[in-house]
Amino acid sequence: MIGLKSTLNVIDNSGAVLVECVNILKNKVNNGWGSVGDEIVCVVKRARPVPESAGLAANVKVRRGDVRRAVIVRTRKAVMRPDGRWIRFDDNAAVLLNNKREMLGTRIGGIVSADLRKTGWGKIISLAPKVV
């Protein structure tokens, strides 16, 4: 479960490494806690450095301090599947989105939860190297 001030790893190639959750969007049922498939608003706490000599400064997607939307793809809190299994991951992770709810990056670099399929994030599942 993801709440305010929770930190999440970013597993896409948008340039962010670590984000902090500041709001969970449209989740009235779970008392303000987010789970896999929920959309959040987050602040980029750590981003990959951009070499100045490469001339790519205008092509940077995210910088430290940017406020972005993201979708939660893994949580440390165990989630029960309909068949009775409990699924838990080692860390909390997210994928950054733009304002049109499209992925900011073009690749996914880690495992994602299969629960994303039932919440309408099939694009993330199709790009992920492994779905659990």
N, C-alpha and C. Protein backbone atom coordinates (compact mmCIF):
# COMPACT_ATOMS: atom_id res chain seq x y z
N MET A 1 0.84 -1.17 0.00
CA MET A 1 0.00 0.00 0.00
C MET A 1 0.89 1.23 0.00
N ILE A 2 0.54 2.15 -0.85
CA ILE A 2 1.32 3.36 -1.02
C ILE A 2 0.52 4.53 -0.46
N GLY A 3 1.15 5.29 0.43
CA GLY A 3 0.51 6.46 1.01
C GLY A 3 1.33 7.70 0.73
N LEU A 4 0.96 8.79 1.38
CA LEU A 4 1.71 10.02 1.21
C LEU A 4 3.13 9.85 1.73
N LYS A 5 4.08 10.48 1.07
CA LYS A 5 5.50 10.46 1.41
C LYS A 5 6.15 9.10 1.17
N SER A 6 5.47 8.16 0.54
CA SER A 6 6.10 6.88 0.20
C SER A 6 7.05 7.09 -0.97
N THR A 7 8.17 6.38 -0.95
CA THR A 7 9.12 6.47 -2.06
C THR A 7 9.00 5.23 -2.93
N LEU A 8 9.11 5.44 -4.23
CA LEU A 8 8.99 4.36 -5.20
C LEU A 8 10.15 4.43 -6.19
N ASN A 9 10.64 3.28 -6.60
CA ASN A 9 11.63 3.22 -7.67
C ASN A 9 10.91 3.40 -9.00
N VAL A 10 11.60 4.02 -9.96
CA VAL A 10 11.05 4.19 -11.30
C VAL A 10 11.73 3.17 -12.20
N ILE A 11 10.92 2.35 -12.90
CA ILE A 11 11.50 1.24 -13.67
C ILE A 11 11.40 1.46 -15.18
N ASP A 12 11.17 2.71 -15.61
CA ASP A 12 11.19 2.98 -17.05
C ASP A 12 12.41 3.82 -17.39
N ASN A 13 12.57 4.15 -18.66
CA ASN A 13 13.75 4.89 -19.09
C ASN A 13 13.48 6.38 -19.26
N SER A 14 12.64 6.94 -18.42
CA SER A 14 12.31 8.37 -18.52
C SER A 14 13.41 9.25 -17.94
N GLY A 15 14.29 8.70 -17.11
CA GLY A 15 15.37 9.48 -16.53
C GLY A 15 15.26 9.61 -15.02
N ALA A 16 14.09 9.38 -14.46
CA ALA A 16 13.93 9.43 -13.00
C ALA A 16 14.39 8.12 -12.39
N VAL A 17 14.88 8.19 -11.15
CA VAL A 17 15.32 7.00 -10.43
C VAL A 17 14.42 6.75 -9.23
N LEU A 18 14.09 7.81 -8.50
CA LEU A 18 13.32 7.69 -7.27
C LEU A 18 12.27 8.80 -7.23
N VAL A 19 11.02 8.43 -6.88
CA VAL A 19 9.95 9.42 -6.76
C VAL A 19 9.28 9.28 -5.40
N GLU A 20 8.64 10.38 -4.98
CA GLU A 20 7.92 10.39 -3.71
C GLU A 20 6.45 10.70 -3.99
N CYS A 21 5.56 9.90 -3.45
CA CYS A 21 4.13 10.06 -3.69
C CYS A 21 3.61 11.26 -2.89
N VAL A 22 2.83 12.12 -3.54
CA VAL A 22 2.22 13.27 -2.86
C VAL A 22 0.70 13.22 -2.91
N ASN A 23 0.12 12.35 -3.76
CA ASN A 23 -1.34 12.25 -3.83
C ASN A 23 -1.71 10.96 -4.55
N ILE A 24 -2.78 10.31 -4.09
CA ILE A 24 -3.33 9.15 -4.77
C ILE A 24 -4.61 9.61 -5.46
N LEU A 25 -4.72 9.37 -6.76
CA LEU A 25 -5.83 9.91 -7.54
C LEU A 25 -7.01 8.94 -7.58
N LYS A 26 -8.22 9.46 -7.39
CA LYS A 26 -9.48 8.74 -7.59
C LYS A 26 -9.55 7.43 -6.84
N ASN A 27 -9.15 7.42 -5.59
CA ASN A 27 -9.20 6.18 -4.82
C ASN A 27 -9.93 6.46 -3.51
N LYS A 28 -11.24 6.54 -3.55
CA LYS A 28 -12.02 6.83 -2.36
C LYS A 28 -12.29 5.59 -1.53
N VAL A 29 -12.18 4.41 -2.14
CA VAL A 29 -12.57 3.17 -1.47
C VAL A 29 -11.55 2.77 -0.41
N ASN A 30 -10.28 2.98 -0.67
CA ASN A 30 -9.22 2.41 0.17
C ASN A 30 -8.64 3.42 1.16
N ASN A 31 -9.37 4.45 1.51
CA ASN A 31 -8.96 5.43 2.51
C ASN A 31 -7.63 6.10 2.21
N GLY A 32 -7.39 6.41 0.96
CA GLY A 32 -6.19 7.15 0.60
C GLY A 32 -4.95 6.32 0.42
N TRP A 33 -5.06 5.00 0.38
CA TRP A 33 -3.91 4.14 0.13
C TRP A 33 -3.96 3.66 -1.30
N GLY A 34 -2.82 3.63 -1.97
CA GLY A 34 -2.75 3.17 -3.35
C GLY A 34 -2.19 1.78 -3.43
N SER A 35 -2.64 1.03 -4.43
CA SER A 35 -2.16 -0.33 -4.66
C SER A 35 -1.76 -0.46 -6.13
N VAL A 36 -1.48 -1.67 -6.58
CA VAL A 36 -1.04 -1.91 -7.95
C VAL A 36 -2.14 -1.47 -8.92
N GLY A 37 -1.77 -0.66 -9.91
CA GLY A 37 -2.71 -0.19 -10.92
C GLY A 37 -3.29 1.18 -10.63
N ASP A 38 -3.06 1.72 -9.43
CA ASP A 38 -3.59 3.04 -9.09
C ASP A 38 -2.68 4.13 -9.62
N GLU A 39 -3.28 5.26 -9.96
CA GLU A 39 -2.54 6.40 -10.47
C GLU A 39 -2.23 7.35 -9.31
N ILE A 40 -1.01 7.86 -9.28
CA ILE A 40 -0.58 8.75 -8.20
C ILE A 40 0.05 10.01 -8.80
N VAL A 41 0.18 11.04 -7.97
CA VAL A 41 0.96 12.22 -8.32
C VAL A 41 2.24 12.14 -7.49
N CYS A 42 3.38 12.36 -8.12
CA CYS A 42 4.64 12.18 -7.42
C CYS A 42 5.63 13.28 -7.79
N VAL A 43 6.64 13.42 -6.94
CA VAL A 43 7.73 14.37 -7.15
C VAL A 43 9.00 13.58 -7.40
N VAL A 44 9.76 13.96 -8.40
CA VAL A 44 11.02 13.28 -8.72
C VAL A 44 12.05 13.70 -7.68
N LYS A 45 12.52 12.73 -6.90
CA LYS A 45 13.52 13.00 -5.86
C LYS A 45 14.94 12.80 -6.35
N ARG A 46 15.13 11.85 -7.26
CA ARG A 46 16.46 11.60 -7.80
C ARG A 46 16.33 11.24 -9.27
N ALA A 47 17.14 11.86 -10.11
CA ALA A 47 17.11 11.60 -11.55
C ALA A 47 18.52 11.30 -12.04
N ARG A 48 18.59 10.65 -13.18
CA ARG A 48 19.89 10.34 -13.75
C ARG A 48 20.55 11.63 -14.24
N PRO A 49 21.84 11.78 -14.02
CA PRO A 49 22.51 13.00 -14.49
C PRO A 49 22.65 13.00 -16.01
N VAL A 50 22.55 14.18 -16.57
CA VAL A 50 22.68 14.34 -18.02
C VAL A 50 24.02 15.00 -18.30
N PRO A 51 24.88 14.37 -19.11
CA PRO A 51 26.17 15.00 -19.42
C PRO A 51 25.95 16.26 -20.26
N GLU A 52 26.57 17.35 -19.83
CA GLU A 52 26.40 18.63 -20.53
C GLU A 52 27.10 18.63 -21.89
N SER A 53 28.16 17.84 -22.01
CA SER A 53 28.90 17.84 -23.27
C SER A 53 28.15 17.11 -24.38
N ALA A 54 27.16 16.30 -24.03
CA ALA A 54 26.44 15.53 -25.05
C ALA A 54 25.46 16.39 -25.84
N GLY A 55 25.10 17.55 -25.31
CA GLY A 55 24.17 18.41 -26.01
C GLY A 55 22.73 17.92 -25.96
N LEU A 56 22.42 17.08 -24.98
CA LEU A 56 21.08 16.52 -24.87
C LEU A 56 20.24 17.23 -23.81
N ALA A 57 20.66 18.38 -23.37
CA ALA A 57 19.96 19.07 -22.28
C ALA A 57 18.53 19.43 -22.67
N ALA A 58 18.28 19.68 -23.94
CA ALA A 58 16.92 20.03 -24.37
C ALA A 58 16.04 18.79 -24.50
N ASN A 59 16.65 17.59 -24.49
CA ASN A 59 15.91 16.35 -24.71
C ASN A 59 15.62 15.60 -23.41
N VAL A 60 15.84 16.21 -22.25
CA VAL A 60 15.63 15.56 -20.98
C VAL A 60 14.13 15.49 -20.70
N LYS A 61 13.65 14.31 -20.28
CA LYS A 61 12.23 14.13 -20.02
C LYS A 61 11.84 14.57 -18.61
N VAL A 62 12.66 14.22 -17.63
CA VAL A 62 12.35 14.61 -16.25
C VAL A 62 13.60 15.13 -15.57
N ARG A 63 13.40 16.02 -14.63
CA ARG A 63 14.48 16.55 -13.80
C ARG A 63 14.09 16.41 -12.35
N ARG A 64 15.05 16.59 -11.48
CA ARG A 64 14.79 16.56 -10.04
C ARG A 64 13.82 17.69 -9.68
N GLY A 65 12.79 17.36 -8.92
CA GLY A 65 11.82 18.35 -8.49
C GLY A 65 10.58 18.43 -9.36
N ASP A 66 10.56 17.73 -10.49
CA ASP A 66 9.38 17.74 -11.36
C ASP A 66 8.22 17.02 -10.70
N VAL A 67 7.01 17.52 -10.91
CA VAL A 67 5.80 16.87 -10.42
C VAL A 67 5.18 16.13 -11.60
N ARG A 68 5.02 14.83 -11.46
CA ARG A 68 4.53 13.98 -12.54
C ARG A 68 3.47 13.03 -12.02
N ARG A 69 2.71 12.45 -12.95
CA ARG A 69 1.80 11.36 -12.61
C ARG A 69 2.52 10.04 -12.86
N ALA A 70 2.10 9.02 -12.13
CA ALA A 70 2.70 7.70 -12.28
C ALA A 70 1.66 6.64 -11.97
N VAL A 71 1.93 5.43 -12.40
CA VAL A 71 1.08 4.29 -12.06
C VAL A 71 1.92 3.30 -11.26
N ILE A 72 1.35 2.77 -10.20
CA ILE A 72 2.05 1.83 -9.32
C ILE A 72 2.07 0.46 -10.01
N VAL A 73 3.26 -0.15 -10.11
CA VAL A 73 3.37 -1.46 -10.77
C VAL A 73 3.82 -2.57 -9.82
N ARG A 74 4.40 -2.23 -8.66
CA ARG A 74 4.80 -3.22 -7.65
C ARG A 74 4.64 -2.62 -6.28
N THR A 75 4.26 -3.44 -5.30
CA THR A 75 4.22 -2.97 -3.91
C THR A 75 4.79 -4.04 -2.99
N ARG A 76 5.34 -3.58 -1.88
CA ARG A 76 5.85 -4.49 -0.87
C ARG A 76 4.70 -5.13 -0.08
N LYS A 77 3.59 -4.44 -0.01
CA LYS A 77 2.43 -4.98 0.70
C LYS A 77 1.85 -6.15 -0.09
N ALA A 78 1.62 -7.27 0.59
CA ALA A 78 1.09 -8.46 -0.07
C ALA A 78 -0.34 -8.23 -0.54
N VAL A 79 -0.63 -8.71 -1.77
CA VAL A 79 -1.96 -8.58 -2.36
C VAL A 79 -2.48 -9.99 -2.64
N MET A 80 -3.73 -10.25 -2.27
CA MET A 80 -4.29 -11.57 -2.49
C MET A 80 -4.93 -11.66 -3.88
N ARG A 81 -4.59 -12.72 -4.60
CA ARG A 81 -5.18 -12.97 -5.91
C ARG A 81 -6.50 -13.74 -5.72
N PRO A 82 -7.35 -13.75 -6.74
CA PRO A 82 -8.64 -14.45 -6.61
C PRO A 82 -8.52 -15.94 -6.31
N ASP A 83 -7.41 -16.56 -6.70
CA ASP A 83 -7.25 -18.00 -6.43
C ASP A 83 -6.68 -18.28 -5.03
N GLY A 84 -6.45 -17.24 -4.23
CA GLY A 84 -5.99 -17.43 -2.86
C GLY A 84 -4.51 -17.21 -2.64
N ARG A 85 -3.74 -17.04 -3.70
CA ARG A 85 -2.30 -16.80 -3.54
C ARG A 85 -2.05 -15.37 -3.09
N TRP A 86 -0.99 -15.19 -2.33
CA TRP A 86 -0.56 -13.85 -1.91
C TRP A 86 0.69 -13.51 -2.70
N ILE A 87 0.69 -12.32 -3.32
CA ILE A 87 1.84 -11.87 -4.12
C ILE A 87 2.45 -10.65 -3.45
N ARG A 88 3.77 -10.71 -3.23
CA ARG A 88 4.50 -9.60 -2.60
C ARG A 88 5.82 -9.42 -3.33
N PHE A 89 6.24 -8.16 -3.48
CA PHE A 89 7.49 -7.84 -4.18
C PHE A 89 8.50 -7.28 -3.18
N ASP A 90 9.74 -7.14 -3.63
CA ASP A 90 10.82 -6.66 -2.77
C ASP A 90 10.79 -5.15 -2.56
N ASP A 91 10.18 -4.41 -3.48
CA ASP A 91 10.19 -2.95 -3.38
C ASP A 91 8.91 -2.38 -3.97
N ASN A 92 8.75 -1.08 -3.80
CA ASN A 92 7.66 -0.35 -4.43
C ASN A 92 8.20 0.25 -5.72
N ALA A 93 7.43 0.14 -6.80
CA ALA A 93 7.91 0.66 -8.08
C ALA A 93 6.76 1.30 -8.85
N ALA A 94 7.13 2.23 -9.73
CA ALA A 94 6.14 2.95 -10.53
C ALA A 94 6.69 3.21 -11.92
N VAL A 95 5.77 3.57 -12.83
CA VAL A 95 6.10 3.97 -14.20
C VAL A 95 5.51 5.37 -14.40
N LEU A 96 6.33 6.31 -14.87
CA LEU A 96 5.87 7.68 -15.04
C LEU A 96 4.97 7.84 -16.25
N LEU A 97 4.00 8.76 -16.13
CA LEU A 97 3.03 9.04 -17.18
C LEU A 97 3.08 10.51 -17.56
N ASN A 98 2.57 10.83 -18.76
CA ASN A 98 2.39 12.22 -19.11
C ASN A 98 0.96 12.63 -18.78
N ASN A 99 0.55 13.83 -19.17
CA ASN A 99 -0.78 14.31 -18.82
C ASN A 99 -1.89 13.59 -19.57
N LYS A 100 -1.58 12.89 -20.64
CA LYS A 100 -2.58 12.14 -21.40
C LYS A 100 -2.68 10.69 -20.94
N ARG A 101 -2.06 10.36 -19.82
CA ARG A 101 -2.04 9.00 -19.27
C ARG A 101 -1.30 8.02 -20.19
N GLU A 102 -0.29 8.51 -20.90
CA GLU A 102 0.58 7.66 -21.71
C GLU A 102 1.93 7.55 -21.02
N MET A 103 2.63 6.45 -21.27
CA MET A 103 3.93 6.26 -20.64
C MET A 103 4.93 7.31 -21.10
N LEU A 104 5.71 7.83 -20.17
CA LEU A 104 6.72 8.82 -20.49
C LEU A 104 7.95 8.16 -21.12
N GLY A 105 8.32 7.00 -20.62
CA GLY A 105 9.45 6.27 -21.18
C GLY A 105 9.00 5.33 -22.28
N THR A 106 9.98 4.67 -22.91
CA THR A 106 9.68 3.74 -24.00
C THR A 106 10.00 2.30 -23.64
N ARG A 107 10.68 2.10 -22.51
CA ARG A 107 11.05 0.75 -22.09
C ARG A 107 10.74 0.58 -20.61
N ILE A 108 10.54 -0.68 -20.21
CA ILE A 108 10.33 -1.03 -18.81
C ILE A 108 11.50 -1.92 -18.41
N GLY A 109 12.10 -1.65 -17.26
CA GLY A 109 13.29 -2.39 -16.87
C GLY A 109 13.11 -3.25 -15.65
N GLY A 110 11.97 -3.87 -15.46
CA GLY A 110 11.80 -4.72 -14.29
C GLY A 110 10.50 -5.48 -14.33
N ILE A 111 10.30 -6.28 -13.30
CA ILE A 111 9.10 -7.11 -13.18
C ILE A 111 7.92 -6.23 -12.80
N VAL A 112 6.74 -6.53 -13.37
CA VAL A 112 5.51 -5.84 -13.01
C VAL A 112 4.47 -6.87 -12.57
N SER A 113 3.45 -6.40 -11.90
CA SER A 113 2.39 -7.28 -11.41
C SER A 113 1.37 -7.54 -12.51
N ALA A 114 0.83 -8.76 -12.54
CA ALA A 114 -0.20 -9.11 -13.53
C ALA A 114 -1.52 -8.43 -13.22
N ASP A 115 -1.67 -7.87 -12.01
CA ASP A 115 -2.91 -7.18 -11.65
C ASP A 115 -3.12 -5.91 -12.47
N LEU A 116 -2.09 -5.44 -13.18
CA LEU A 116 -2.24 -4.26 -14.03
C LEU A 116 -3.19 -4.51 -15.19
N ARG A 117 -3.30 -5.77 -15.62
CA ARG A 117 -4.14 -6.09 -16.77
C ARG A 117 -5.60 -5.77 -16.50
N LYS A 118 -6.08 -6.07 -15.30
CA LYS A 118 -7.50 -5.83 -15.01
C LYS A 118 -7.81 -4.38 -14.70
N THR A 119 -6.79 -3.54 -14.52
CA THR A 119 -7.03 -2.13 -14.29
C THR A 119 -6.81 -1.28 -15.55
N GLY A 120 -6.54 -1.92 -16.69
CA GLY A 120 -6.47 -1.20 -17.95
C GLY A 120 -5.10 -0.71 -18.35
N TRP A 121 -4.04 -1.26 -17.80
CA TRP A 121 -2.68 -0.84 -18.16
C TRP A 121 -1.99 -1.93 -18.98
N GLY A 122 -2.63 -2.38 -20.05
CA GLY A 122 -2.08 -3.44 -20.90
C GLY A 122 -0.81 -3.04 -21.62
N LYS A 123 -0.65 -1.75 -21.91
CA LYS A 123 0.56 -1.26 -22.58
C LYS A 123 1.79 -1.50 -21.72
N ILE A 124 1.67 -1.29 -20.42
CA ILE A 124 2.80 -1.52 -19.51
C ILE A 124 3.15 -3.00 -19.47
N ILE A 125 2.12 -3.85 -19.43
CA ILE A 125 2.36 -5.29 -19.38
C ILE A 125 3.02 -5.77 -20.67
N SER A 126 2.63 -5.20 -21.81
CA SER A 126 3.21 -5.64 -23.07
C SER A 126 4.68 -5.27 -23.21
N LEU A 127 5.11 -4.20 -22.54
CA LEU A 127 6.52 -3.77 -22.62
C LEU A 127 7.40 -4.39 -21.53
N ALA A 128 6.80 -4.95 -20.50
CA ALA A 128 7.58 -5.46 -19.37
C ALA A 128 8.29 -6.77 -19.75
N PRO A 129 9.52 -6.94 -19.26
CA PRO A 129 10.24 -8.17 -19.57
C PRO A 129 9.66 -9.40 -18.86
N LYS A 130 9.03 -9.18 -17.68
CA LYS A 130 8.44 -10.30 -16.96
C LYS A 130 7.23 -9.81 -16.18
N VAL A 131 6.16 -10.61 -16.21
CA VAL A 131 4.92 -10.29 -15.50
C VAL A 131 4.66 -11.40 -14.51
N VAL A 132 4.46 -11.02 -13.23
CA VAL A 132 4.22 -12.02 -12.18
C VAL A 132 2.86 -11.82 -11.60
